[in-house]
PDB file of all heavy atoms in Angstrom:
ATOM      1  N   THR A   1      17.500 -11.635  39.568  1.00  0.00           N
ATOM      2  CA  THR A   1      18.403 -11.822  38.425  1.00  0.00           C
ATOM      3  C   THR A   1      18.046 -13.029  37.581  1.00  0.00           C
ATOM      4  O   THR A   1      18.550 -13.182  36.469  1.00  0.00           O
ATOM      5  CB  THR A   1      19.848 -11.965  38.921  1.00  0.00           C
ATOM      6  OG1 THR A   1      19.927 -13.057  39.868  1.00  0.00           O
ATOM      7  CG2 THR A   1      20.299 -10.681  39.631  1.00  0.00           C
ATOM      8  N   GLN A   2      17.193 -13.891  38.123  1.00  0.00           N
ATOM      9  CA  GLN A   2      16.776 -15.059  37.349  1.00  0.00           C
ATOM     10  C   GLN A   2      15.402 -15.524  37.804  1.00  0.00           C
ATOM     11  O   GLN A   2      14.945 -15.172  38.884  1.00  0.00           O
ATOM     12  CB  GLN A   2      17.783 -16.199  37.499  1.00  0.00           C
ATOM     13  CG  GLN A   2      17.980 -16.659  38.943  1.00  0.00           C
ATOM     14  CD  GLN A   2      19.047 -17.727  39.071  1.00  0.00           C
ATOM     15  OE1 GLN A   2      19.668 -18.104  38.080  1.00  0.00           O
ATOM     16  NE2 GLN A   2      19.279 -18.211  40.282  1.00  0.00           N
ATOM     17  N   THR A   3      14.768 -16.308  36.967  1.00  0.00           N
ATOM     18  CA  THR A   3      13.442 -16.845  37.296  1.00  0.00           C
ATOM     19  C   THR A   3      13.565 -17.860  38.426  1.00  0.00           C
ATOM     20  O   THR A   3      14.483 -18.693  38.438  1.00  0.00           O
ATOM     21  CB  THR A   3      12.804 -17.495  36.063  1.00  0.00           C
ATOM     22  OG1 THR A   3      12.692 -16.531  35.023  1.00  0.00           O
ATOM     23  CG2 THR A   3      11.423 -18.044  36.394  1.00  0.00           C
ATOM     24  N   ARG A   4      12.641 -17.795  39.368  1.00  0.00           N
ATOM     25  CA  ARG A   4      12.678 -18.696  40.534  1.00  0.00           C
ATOM     26  C   ARG A   4      11.323 -19.367  40.726  1.00  0.00           C
ATOM     27  O   ARG A   4      10.278 -18.738  40.597  1.00  0.00           O
ATOM     28  CB  ARG A   4      13.036 -17.906  41.791  1.00  0.00           C
ATOM     29  CG  ARG A   4      13.107 -18.748  43.058  1.00  0.00           C
ATOM     30  CD  ARG A   4      13.339 -17.868  44.275  1.00  0.00           C
ATOM     31  NE  ARG A   4      13.427 -18.660  45.491  1.00  0.00           N
ATOM     32  CZ  ARG A   4      12.381 -19.117  46.166  1.00  0.00           C
ATOM     33  NH1 ARG A   4      11.164 -18.845  45.740  1.00  0.00           N
ATOM     34  NH2 ARG A   4      12.548 -19.848  47.261  1.00  0.00           N
ATOM     35  N   SER A   5      11.372 -20.645  41.024  1.00  0.00           N
ATOM     36  CA  SER A   5      10.149 -21.405  41.303  1.00  0.00           C
ATOM     37  C   SER A   5       9.789 -21.258  42.776  1.00  0.00           C
ATOM     38  O   SER A   5      10.663 -21.356  43.646  1.00  0.00           O
ATOM     39  CB  SER A   5      10.330 -22.887  40.955  1.00  0.00           C
ATOM     40  OG  SER A   5      10.598 -23.038  39.577  1.00  0.00           O
ATOM     41  N   GLY A   6       8.508 -21.050  43.057  1.00  0.00           N
ATOM     42  CA  GLY A   6       8.049 -20.930  44.437  1.00  0.00           C
ATOM     43  C   GLY A   6       7.724 -22.286  45.041  1.00  0.00           C
ATOM     44  O   GLY A   6       7.764 -23.332  44.385  1.00  0.00           O
ATOM     45  N   TYR A   7       7.380 -22.273  46.321  1.00  0.00           N
ATOM     46  CA  TYR A   7       7.081 -23.513  47.036  1.00  0.00           C
ATOM     47  C   TYR A   7       5.892 -24.254  46.436  1.00  0.00           C
ATOM     48  O   TYR A   7       5.880 -25.488  46.379  1.00  0.00           O
ATOM     49  CB  TYR A   7       6.809 -23.219  48.512  1.00  0.00           C
ATOM     50  CG  TYR A   7       7.991 -22.638  49.252  1.00  0.00           C
ATOM     51  CD1 TYR A   7       7.836 -21.563  50.120  1.00  0.00           C
ATOM     52  CD2 TYR A   7       9.272 -23.153  49.065  1.00  0.00           C
ATOM     53  CE1 TYR A   7       8.915 -21.014  50.802  1.00  0.00           C
ATOM     54  CE2 TYR A   7      10.360 -22.610  49.739  1.00  0.00           C
ATOM     55  CZ  TYR A   7      10.174 -21.544  50.602  1.00  0.00           C
ATOM     56  OH  TYR A   7      11.254 -21.016  51.259  1.00  0.00           O
ATOM     57  N   PHE A   8       4.887 -23.523  45.979  1.00  0.00           N
ATOM     58  CA  PHE A   8       3.708 -24.186  45.422  1.00  0.00           C
ATOM     59  C   PHE A   8       4.020 -24.874  44.097  1.00  0.00           C
ATOM     60  O   PHE A   8       3.370 -25.865  43.745  1.00  0.00           O
ATOM     61  CB  PHE A   8       2.572 -23.167  45.235  1.00  0.00           C
ATOM     62  CG  PHE A   8       1.815 -22.875  46.495  1.00  0.00           C
ATOM     63  CD1 PHE A   8       2.121 -21.757  47.256  1.00  0.00           C
ATOM     64  CD2 PHE A   8       0.817 -23.717  46.933  1.00  0.00           C
ATOM     65  CE1 PHE A   8       1.441 -21.488  48.424  1.00  0.00           C
ATOM     66  CE2 PHE A   8       0.130 -23.457  48.102  1.00  0.00           C
ATOM     67  CZ  PHE A   8       0.441 -22.335  48.860  1.00  0.00           C
ATOM     68  N   GLU A   9       4.995 -24.364  43.373  1.00  0.00           N
ATOM     69  CA  GLU A   9       5.389 -25.019  42.130  1.00  0.00           C
ATOM     70  C   GLU A   9       6.279 -26.228  42.412  1.00  0.00           C
ATOM     71  O   GLU A   9       6.125 -27.293  41.796  1.00  0.00           O
ATOM     72  CB  GLU A   9       6.128 -24.024  41.238  1.00  0.00           C
ATOM     73  CG  GLU A   9       6.473 -24.567  39.856  1.00  0.00           C
ATOM     74  CD  GLU A   9       7.113 -23.523  38.977  1.00  0.00           C
ATOM     75  OE1 GLU A   9       7.241 -22.351  39.409  1.00  0.00           O
ATOM     76  OE2 GLU A   9       7.499 -23.880  37.838  1.00  0.00           O
ATOM     77  N   VAL A  10       7.187 -26.100  43.367  1.00  0.00           N
ATOM     78  CA  VAL A  10       8.111 -27.185  43.702  1.00  0.00           C
ATOM     79  C   VAL A  10       7.371 -28.353  44.350  1.00  0.00           C
ATOM     80  O   VAL A  10       7.672 -29.519  44.094  1.00  0.00           O
ATOM     81  CB  VAL A  10       9.222 -26.666  44.639  1.00  0.00           C
ATOM     82  CG1 VAL A  10      10.102 -27.810  45.130  1.00  0.00           C
ATOM     83  CG2 VAL A  10      10.066 -25.617  43.937  1.00  0.00           C
ATOM     84  N   ALA A  11       6.381 -28.042  45.197  1.00  0.00           N
ATOM     85  CA  ALA A  11       5.672 -29.087  45.947  1.00  0.00           C
ATOM     86  C   ALA A  11       4.491 -29.654  45.190  1.00  0.00           C
ATOM     87  O   ALA A  11       3.622 -30.298  45.802  1.00  0.00           O
ATOM     88  CB  ALA A  11       5.200 -28.520  47.283  1.00  0.00           C
ATOM     89  N   ASP A  12       4.415 -29.446  43.888  1.00  0.00           N
ATOM     90  CA  ASP A  12       3.304 -29.975  43.089  1.00  0.00           C
ATOM     91  C   ASP A  12       3.198 -31.488  43.268  1.00  0.00           C
ATOM     92  O   ASP A  12       4.164 -32.226  43.055  1.00  0.00           O
ATOM     93  CB  ASP A  12       3.526 -29.629  41.612  1.00  0.00           C
ATOM     94  CG  ASP A  12       2.312 -29.943  40.762  1.00  0.00           C
ATOM     95  OD1 ASP A  12       1.213 -30.116  41.342  1.00  0.00           O
ATOM     96  OD2 ASP A  12       2.462 -30.034  39.534  1.00  0.00           O
ATOM     97  N   GLY A  13       2.027 -31.953  43.696  1.00  0.00           N
ATOM     98  CA  GLY A  13       1.822 -33.370  43.969  1.00  0.00           C
ATOM     99  C   GLY A  13       2.137 -33.768  45.392  1.00  0.00           C
ATOM    100  O   GLY A  13       1.958 -34.937  45.765  1.00  0.00           O
ATOM    101  N   GLY A  14       2.598 -32.824  46.205  1.00  0.00           N
ATOM    102  CA  GLY A  14       2.952 -33.120  47.590  1.00  0.00           C
ATOM    103  C   GLY A  14       2.118 -32.329  48.581  1.00  0.00           C
ATOM    104  O   GLY A  14       0.955 -32.005  48.329  1.00  0.00           O
ATOM    105  N   THR A  15       2.758 -31.980  49.714  1.00  0.00           N
ATOM    106  CA  THR A  15       2.068 -31.289  50.810  1.00  0.00           C
ATOM    107  C   THR A  15       2.874 -30.070  51.232  1.00  0.00           C
ATOM    108  O   THR A  15       4.106 -30.140  51.327  1.00  0.00           O
ATOM    109  CB  THR A  15       1.896 -32.218  52.028  1.00  0.00           C
ATOM    110  OG1 THR A  15       1.201 -33.402  51.616  1.00  0.00           O
ATOM    111  CG2 THR A  15       1.121 -31.541  53.137  1.00  0.00           C
ATOM    112  N   ILE A  16       2.184 -28.972  51.484  1.00  0.00           N
ATOM    113  CA  ILE A  16       2.814 -27.764  52.031  1.00  0.00           C
ATOM    114  C   ILE A  16       2.233 -27.504  53.417  1.00  0.00           C
ATOM    115  O   ILE A  16       1.019 -27.476  53.600  1.00  0.00           O
ATOM    116  CB  ILE A  16       2.575 -26.536  51.122  1.00  0.00           C
ATOM    117  CG1 ILE A  16       3.431 -26.638  49.869  1.00  0.00           C
ATOM    118  CG2 ILE A  16       2.924 -25.255  51.855  1.00  0.00           C
ATOM    119  CD1 ILE A  16       3.350 -25.417  48.979  1.00  0.00           C
ATOM    120  N   PHE A  17       3.137 -27.330  54.384  1.00  0.00           N
ATOM    121  CA  PHE A  17       2.733 -26.998  55.747  1.00  0.00           C
ATOM    122  C   PHE A  17       3.017 -25.522  55.979  1.00  0.00           C
ATOM    123  O   PHE A  17       4.174 -25.095  55.996  1.00  0.00           O
ATOM    124  CB  PHE A  17       3.501 -27.861  56.750  1.00  0.00           C
ATOM    125  CG  PHE A  17       3.322 -27.430  58.182  1.00  0.00           C
ATOM    126  CD1 PHE A  17       2.068 -27.097  58.683  1.00  0.00           C
ATOM    127  CD2 PHE A  17       4.417 -27.371  59.045  1.00  0.00           C
ATOM    128  CE1 PHE A  17       1.904 -26.699  59.995  1.00  0.00           C
ATOM    129  CE2 PHE A  17       4.260 -26.985  60.357  1.00  0.00           C
ATOM    130  CZ  PHE A  17       3.008 -26.640  60.841  1.00  0.00           C
ATOM    131  N   LEU A  18       1.965 -24.728  56.150  1.00  0.00           N
ATOM    132  CA  LEU A  18       2.084 -23.282  56.383  1.00  0.00           C
ATOM    133  C   LEU A  18       1.974 -23.018  57.876  1.00  0.00           C
ATOM    134  O   LEU A  18       0.874 -22.933  58.439  1.00  0.00           O
ATOM    135  CB  LEU A  18       0.996 -22.518  55.619  1.00  0.00           C
ATOM    136  CG  LEU A  18       0.995 -22.662  54.097  1.00  0.00           C
ATOM    137  CD1 LEU A  18      -0.183 -21.906  53.491  1.00  0.00           C
ATOM    138  CD2 LEU A  18       2.310 -22.165  53.505  1.00  0.00           C
ATOM    139  N   ASP A  19       3.131 -22.935  58.529  1.00  0.00           N
ATOM    140  CA  ASP A  19       3.151 -22.666  59.967  1.00  0.00           C
ATOM    141  C   ASP A  19       2.963 -21.169  60.210  1.00  0.00           C
ATOM    142  O   ASP A  19       3.445 -20.341  59.432  1.00  0.00           O
ATOM    143  CB  ASP A  19       4.482 -23.139  60.555  1.00  0.00           C
ATOM    144  CG  ASP A  19       4.425 -23.241  62.066  1.00  0.00           C
ATOM    145  OD1 ASP A  19       3.319 -23.133  62.635  1.00  0.00           O
ATOM    146  OD2 ASP A  19       5.491 -23.433  62.696  1.00  0.00           O
ATOM    147  N   GLU A  20       2.282 -20.823  61.303  1.00  0.00           N
ATOM    148  CA  GLU A  20       1.975 -19.424  61.637  1.00  0.00           C
ATOM    149  C   GLU A  20       1.259 -18.734  60.476  1.00  0.00           C
ATOM    150  O   GLU A  20       1.607 -17.616  60.076  1.00  0.00           O
ATOM    151  CB  GLU A  20       3.254 -18.661  62.009  1.00  0.00           C
ATOM    152  CG  GLU A  20       4.039 -19.260  63.145  1.00  0.00           C
ATOM    153  CD  GLU A  20       3.243 -19.351  64.445  1.00  0.00           C
ATOM    154  OE1 GLU A  20       2.245 -18.611  64.578  1.00  0.00           O
ATOM    155  OE2 GLU A  20       3.602 -20.154  65.306  1.00  0.00           O
ATOM    156  N   VAL A  21       0.238 -19.382  59.938  1.00  0.00           N
ATOM    157  CA  VAL A  21      -0.486 -18.833  58.789  1.00  0.00           C
ATOM    158  C   VAL A  21      -1.215 -17.539  59.146  1.00  0.00           C
ATOM    159  O   VAL A  21      -1.519 -16.724  58.275  1.00  0.00           O
ATOM    160  CB  VAL A  21      -1.481 -19.886  58.249  1.00  0.00           C
ATOM    161  CG1 VAL A  21      -2.654 -20.072  59.209  1.00  0.00           C
ATOM    162  CG2 VAL A  21      -1.963 -19.534  56.862  1.00  0.00           C
ATOM    163  N   GLY A  22      -1.469 -17.309  60.430  1.00  0.00           N
ATOM    164  CA  GLY A  22      -2.132 -16.079  60.853  1.00  0.00           C
ATOM    165  C   GLY A  22      -1.290 -14.836  60.654  1.00  0.00           C
ATOM    166  O   GLY A  22      -1.799 -13.722  60.750  1.00  0.00           O
ATOM    167  N   GLU A  23       0.019 -15.018  60.372  1.00  0.00           N
ATOM    168  CA  GLU A  23       0.912 -13.878  60.154  1.00  0.00           C
ATOM    169  C   GLU A  23       0.996 -13.468  58.694  1.00  0.00           C
ATOM    170  O   GLU A  23       1.732 -12.542  58.353  1.00  0.00           O
ATOM    171  CB  GLU A  23       2.322 -14.213  60.673  1.00  0.00           C
ATOM    172  CG  GLU A  23       2.372 -14.652  62.128  1.00  0.00           C
ATOM    173  CD  GLU A  23       1.926 -13.557  63.080  1.00  0.00           C
ATOM    174  OE1 GLU A  23       2.112 -12.382  62.733  1.00  0.00           O
ATOM    175  OE2 GLU A  23       1.382 -13.892  64.148  1.00  0.00           O
ATOM    176  N   LEU A  24       0.286 -14.143  57.808  1.00  0.00           N
ATOM    177  CA  LEU A  24       0.356 -13.814  56.384  1.00  0.00           C
ATOM    178  C   LEU A  24      -0.212 -12.426  56.113  1.00  0.00           C
ATOM    179  O   LEU A  24      -1.256 -12.061  56.660  1.00  0.00           O
ATOM    180  CB  LEU A  24      -0.426 -14.837  55.557  1.00  0.00           C
ATOM    181  CG  LEU A  24       0.240 -16.186  55.272  1.00  0.00           C
ATOM    182  CD1 LEU A  24      -0.731 -17.090  54.523  1.00  0.00           C
ATOM    183  CD2 LEU A  24       1.507 -15.998  54.440  1.00  0.00           C
ATOM    184  N   PRO A  25       0.419 -11.627  55.244  1.00  0.00           N
ATOM    185  CA  PRO A  25      -0.155 -10.333  54.849  1.00  0.00           C
ATOM    186  C   PRO A  25      -1.468 -10.545  54.086  1.00  0.00           C
ATOM    187  O   PRO A  25      -1.684 -11.604  53.476  1.00  0.00           O
ATOM    188  CB  PRO A  25       0.920  -9.732  53.935  1.00  0.00           C
ATOM    189  CG  PRO A  25       2.168 -10.500  54.212  1.00  0.00           C
ATOM    190  CD  PRO A  25       1.745 -11.867  54.640  1.00  0.00           C
ATOM    191  N   LEU A  26      -2.323  -9.552  54.095  1.00  0.00           N
ATOM    192  CA  LEU A  26      -3.637  -9.657  53.456  1.00  0.00           C
ATOM    193  C   LEU A  26      -3.519  -9.894  51.948  1.00  0.00           C
ATOM    194  O   LEU A  26      -4.316 -10.638  51.365  1.00  0.00           O
ATOM    195  CB  LEU A  26      -4.456  -8.395  53.725  1.00  0.00           C
ATOM    196  CG  LEU A  26      -4.958  -8.224  55.166  1.00  0.00           C
ATOM    197  CD1 LEU A  26      -5.588  -6.858  55.360  1.00  0.00           C
ATOM    198  CD2 LEU A  26      -5.962  -9.320  55.520  1.00  0.00           C
ATOM    199  N   THR A  27      -2.520  -9.269  51.300  1.00  0.00           N
ATOM    200  CA  THR A  27      -2.361  -9.477  49.851  1.00  0.00           C
ATOM    201  C   THR A  27      -1.998 -10.922  49.543  1.00  0.00           C
ATOM    202  O   THR A  27      -2.470 -11.496  48.555  1.00  0.00           O
ATOM    203  CB  THR A  27      -1.278  -8.530  49.307  1.00  0.00           C
ATOM    204  OG1 THR A  27      -0.072  -8.700  50.067  1.00  0.00           O
ATOM    205  CG2 THR A  27      -1.729  -7.085  49.400  1.00  0.00           C
ATOM    206  N   THR A  28      -1.166 -11.513  50.377  1.00  0.00           N
ATOM    207  CA  THR A  28      -0.788 -12.922  50.181  1.00  0.00           C
ATOM    208  C   THR A  28      -1.969 -13.842  50.472  1.00  0.00           C
ATOM    209  O   THR A  28      -2.112 -14.898  49.846  1.00  0.00           O
ATOM    210  CB  THR A  28       0.401 -13.281  51.087  1.00  0.00           C
ATOM    211  OG1 THR A  28       1.450 -12.328  50.889  1.00  0.00           O
ATOM    212  CG2 THR A  28       0.920 -14.671  50.783  1.00  0.00           C
ATOM    213  N   GLN A  29      -2.827 -13.453  51.411  1.00  0.00           N
ATOM    214  CA  GLN A  29      -4.008 -14.254  51.727  1.00  0.00           C
ATOM    215  C   GLN A  29      -4.926 -14.371  50.515  1.00  0.00           C
ATOM    216  O   GLN A  29      -5.538 -15.417  50.287  1.00  0.00           O
ATOM    217  CB  GLN A  29      -4.753 -13.647  52.915  1.00  0.00           C
ATOM    218  CG  GLN A  29      -4.000 -13.714  54.231  1.00  0.00           C
ATOM    219  CD  GLN A  29      -4.764 -13.054  55.356  1.00  0.00           C
ATOM    220  OE1 GLN A  29      -5.990 -13.008  55.363  1.00  0.00           O
ATOM    221  NE2 GLN A  29      -4.045 -12.517  56.330  1.00  0.00           N
ATOM    222  N   VAL A  30      -5.014 -13.305  49.723  1.00  0.00           N
ATOM    223  CA  VAL A  30      -5.848 -13.333  48.515  1.00  0.00           C
ATOM    224  C   VAL A  30      -5.289 -14.351  47.523  1.00  0.00           C
ATOM    225  O   VAL A  30      -6.033 -15.136  46.926  1.00  0.00           O
ATOM    226  CB  VAL A  30      -5.921 -11.937  47.883  1.00  0.00           C
ATOM    227  CG1 VAL A  30      -6.718 -11.979  46.587  1.00  0.00           C
ATOM    228  CG2 VAL A  30      -6.547 -10.944  48.849  1.00  0.00           C
ATOM    229  N   ARG A  31      -3.973 -14.356  47.343  1.00  0.00           N
ATOM    230  CA  ARG A  31      -3.338 -15.321  46.433  1.00  0.00           C
ATOM    231  C   ARG A  31      -3.540 -16.755  46.928  1.00  0.00           C
ATOM    232  O   ARG A  31      -3.831 -17.665  46.150  1.00  0.00           O
ATOM    233  CB  ARG A  31      -1.841 -15.031  46.328  1.00  0.00           C
ATOM    234  CG  ARG A  31      -1.488 -13.769  45.528  1.00  0.00           C
ATOM    235  CD  ARG A  31       0.003 -13.503  45.646  1.00  0.00           C
ATOM    236  NE  ARG A  31       0.439 -12.431  44.770  1.00  0.00           N
ATOM    237  CZ  ARG A  31       1.002 -12.613  43.586  1.00  0.00           C
ATOM    238  NH1 ARG A  31       1.195 -13.842  43.135  1.00  0.00           N
ATOM    239  NH2 ARG A  31       1.390 -11.592  42.846  1.00  0.00           N
ATOM    240  N   LEU A  32      -3.387 -16.945  48.239  1.00  0.00           N
ATOM    241  CA  LEU A  32      -3.550 -18.286  48.809  1.00  0.00           C
ATOM    242  C   LEU A  32      -4.988 -18.781  48.654  1.00  0.00           C
ATOM    243  O   LEU A  32      -5.222 -19.972  48.401  1.00  0.00           O
ATOM    244  CB  LEU A  32      -3.155 -18.256  50.288  1.00  0.00           C
ATOM    245  CG  LEU A  32      -3.261 -19.572  51.055  1.00  0.00           C
ATOM    246  CD1 LEU A  32      -2.405 -20.656  50.406  1.00  0.00           C
ATOM    247  CD2 LEU A  32      -2.866 -19.383  52.515  1.00  0.00           C
ATOM    248  N   LEU A  33      -5.947 -17.882  48.794  1.00  0.00           N
ATOM    249  CA  LEU A  33      -7.357 -18.250  48.630  1.00  0.00           C
ATOM    250  C   LEU A  33      -7.618 -18.768  47.225  1.00  0.00           C
ATOM    251  O   LEU A  33      -8.359 -19.744  47.037  1.00  0.00           O
ATOM    252  CB  LEU A  33      -8.243 -17.037  48.932  1.00  0.00           C
ATOM    253  CG  LEU A  33      -9.754 -17.260  48.851  1.00  0.00           C
ATOM    254  CD1 LEU A  33     -10.204 -18.291  49.867  1.00  0.00           C
ATOM    255  CD2 LEU A  33     -10.492 -15.947  49.065  1.00  0.00           C
ATOM    256  N   ARG A  34      -6.978 -18.165  46.231  1.00  0.00           N
ATOM    257  CA  ARG A  34      -7.163 -18.615  44.847  1.00  0.00           C
ATOM    258  C   ARG A  34      -6.576 -20.010  44.636  1.00  0.00           C
ATOM    259  O   ARG A  34      -7.150 -20.827  43.920  1.00  0.00           O
ATOM    260  CB  ARG A  34      -6.513 -17.613  43.889  1.00  0.00           C
ATOM    261  CG  ARG A  34      -6.774 -17.934  42.432  1.00  0.00           C
ATOM    262  CD  ARG A  34      -6.248 -16.871  41.510  1.00  0.00           C
ATOM    263  NE  ARG A  34      -6.565 -17.162  40.117  1.00  0.00           N
ATOM    264  CZ  ARG A  34      -6.168 -16.434  39.101  1.00  0.00           C
ATOM    265  NH1 ARG A  34      -5.429 -15.344  39.314  1.00  0.00           N
ATOM    266  NH2 ARG A  34      -6.491 -16.762  37.865  1.00  0.00           N
ATOM    267  N   VAL A  35      -5.440 -20.284  45.279  1.00  0.00           N
ATOM    268  CA  VAL A  35      -4.834 -21.620  45.182  1.00  0.00           C
ATOM    269  C   VAL A  35      -5.765 -22.663  45.795  1.00  0.00           C
ATOM    270  O   VAL A  35      -5.952 -23.758  45.254  1.00  0.00           O
ATOM    271  CB  VAL A  35      -3.464 -21.644  45.880  1.00  0.00           C
ATOM    272  CG1 VAL A  35      -2.890 -23.051  45.894  1.00  0.00           C
ATOM    273  CG2 VAL A  35      -2.489 -20.709  45.176  1.00  0.00           C
ATOM    274  N   LEU A  36      -6.363 -22.318  46.929  1.00  0.00           N
ATOM    275  CA  LEU A  36      -7.269 -23.261  47.591  1.00  0.00           C
ATOM    276  C   LEU A  36      -8.535 -23.497  46.779  1.00  0.00           C
ATOM    277  O   LEU A  36      -9.097 -24.596  46.803  1.00  0.00           O
ATOM    278  CB  LEU A  36      -7.629 -22.733  48.981  1.00  0.00           C
ATOM    279  CG  LEU A  36      -6.539 -22.846  50.055  1.00  0.00           C
ATOM    280  CD1 LEU A  36      -6.882 -21.988  51.248  1.00  0.00           C
ATOM    281  CD2 LEU A  36      -6.349 -24.284  50.479  1.00  0.00           C
ATOM    282  N   GLU A  37      -9.002 -22.483  46.077  1.00  0.00           N
ATOM    283  CA  GLU A  37     -10.256 -22.596  45.340  1.00  0.00           C
ATOM    284  C   GLU A  37     -10.101 -23.397  44.044  1.00  0.00           C
ATOM    285  O   GLU A  37     -10.914 -24.279  43.753  1.00  0.00           O
ATOM    286  CB  GLU A  37     -10.808 -21.204  45.031  1.00  0.00           C
ATOM    287  CG  GLU A  37     -11.384 -20.500  46.250  1.00  0.00           C
ATOM    288  CD  GLU A  37     -11.856 -19.103  45.932  1.00  0.00           C
ATOM    289  OE1 GLU A  37     -11.472 -18.579  44.861  1.00  0.00           O
ATOM    290  OE2 GLU A  37     -12.597 -18.524  46.742  1.00  0.00           O
ATOM    291  N   ASN A  38      -9.067 -23.083  43.250  1.00  0.00           N
ATOM    292  CA  ASN A  38      -8.944 -23.764  41.945  1.00  0.00           C
ATOM    293  C   ASN A  38      -7.532 -24.205  41.598  1.00  0.00           C
ATOM    294  O   ASN A  38      -7.268 -24.605  40.475  1.00  0.00           O
ATOM    295  CB  ASN A  38      -9.483 -22.850  40.824  1.00  0.00           C
ATOM    296  CG  ASN A  38      -8.926 -21.442  40.921  1.00  0.00           C
ATOM    297  OD1 ASN A  38      -7.790 -21.253  41.344  1.00  0.00           O
ATOM    298  ND2 ASN A  38      -9.731 -20.461  40.538  1.00  0.00           N
ATOM    299  N   GLY A  39      -6.605 -24.128  42.565  1.00  0.00           N
ATOM    300  CA  GLY A  39      -5.255 -24.595  42.314  1.00  0.00           C
ATOM    301  C   GLY A  39      -4.454 -23.728  41.366  1.00  0.00           C
ATOM    302  O   GLY A  39      -3.459 -24.196  40.788  1.00  0.00           O
TER     303      GLY A  39
END
């Protein structure tokens, strides 16, 4: 119903701890790889 900011937007300039990262779906892994490569 409204626009929502995700963790990567909220934590800009900080640290994100991804616990149990092995449980991520493959589609989400592709998005995460792009964040790691060029932010």
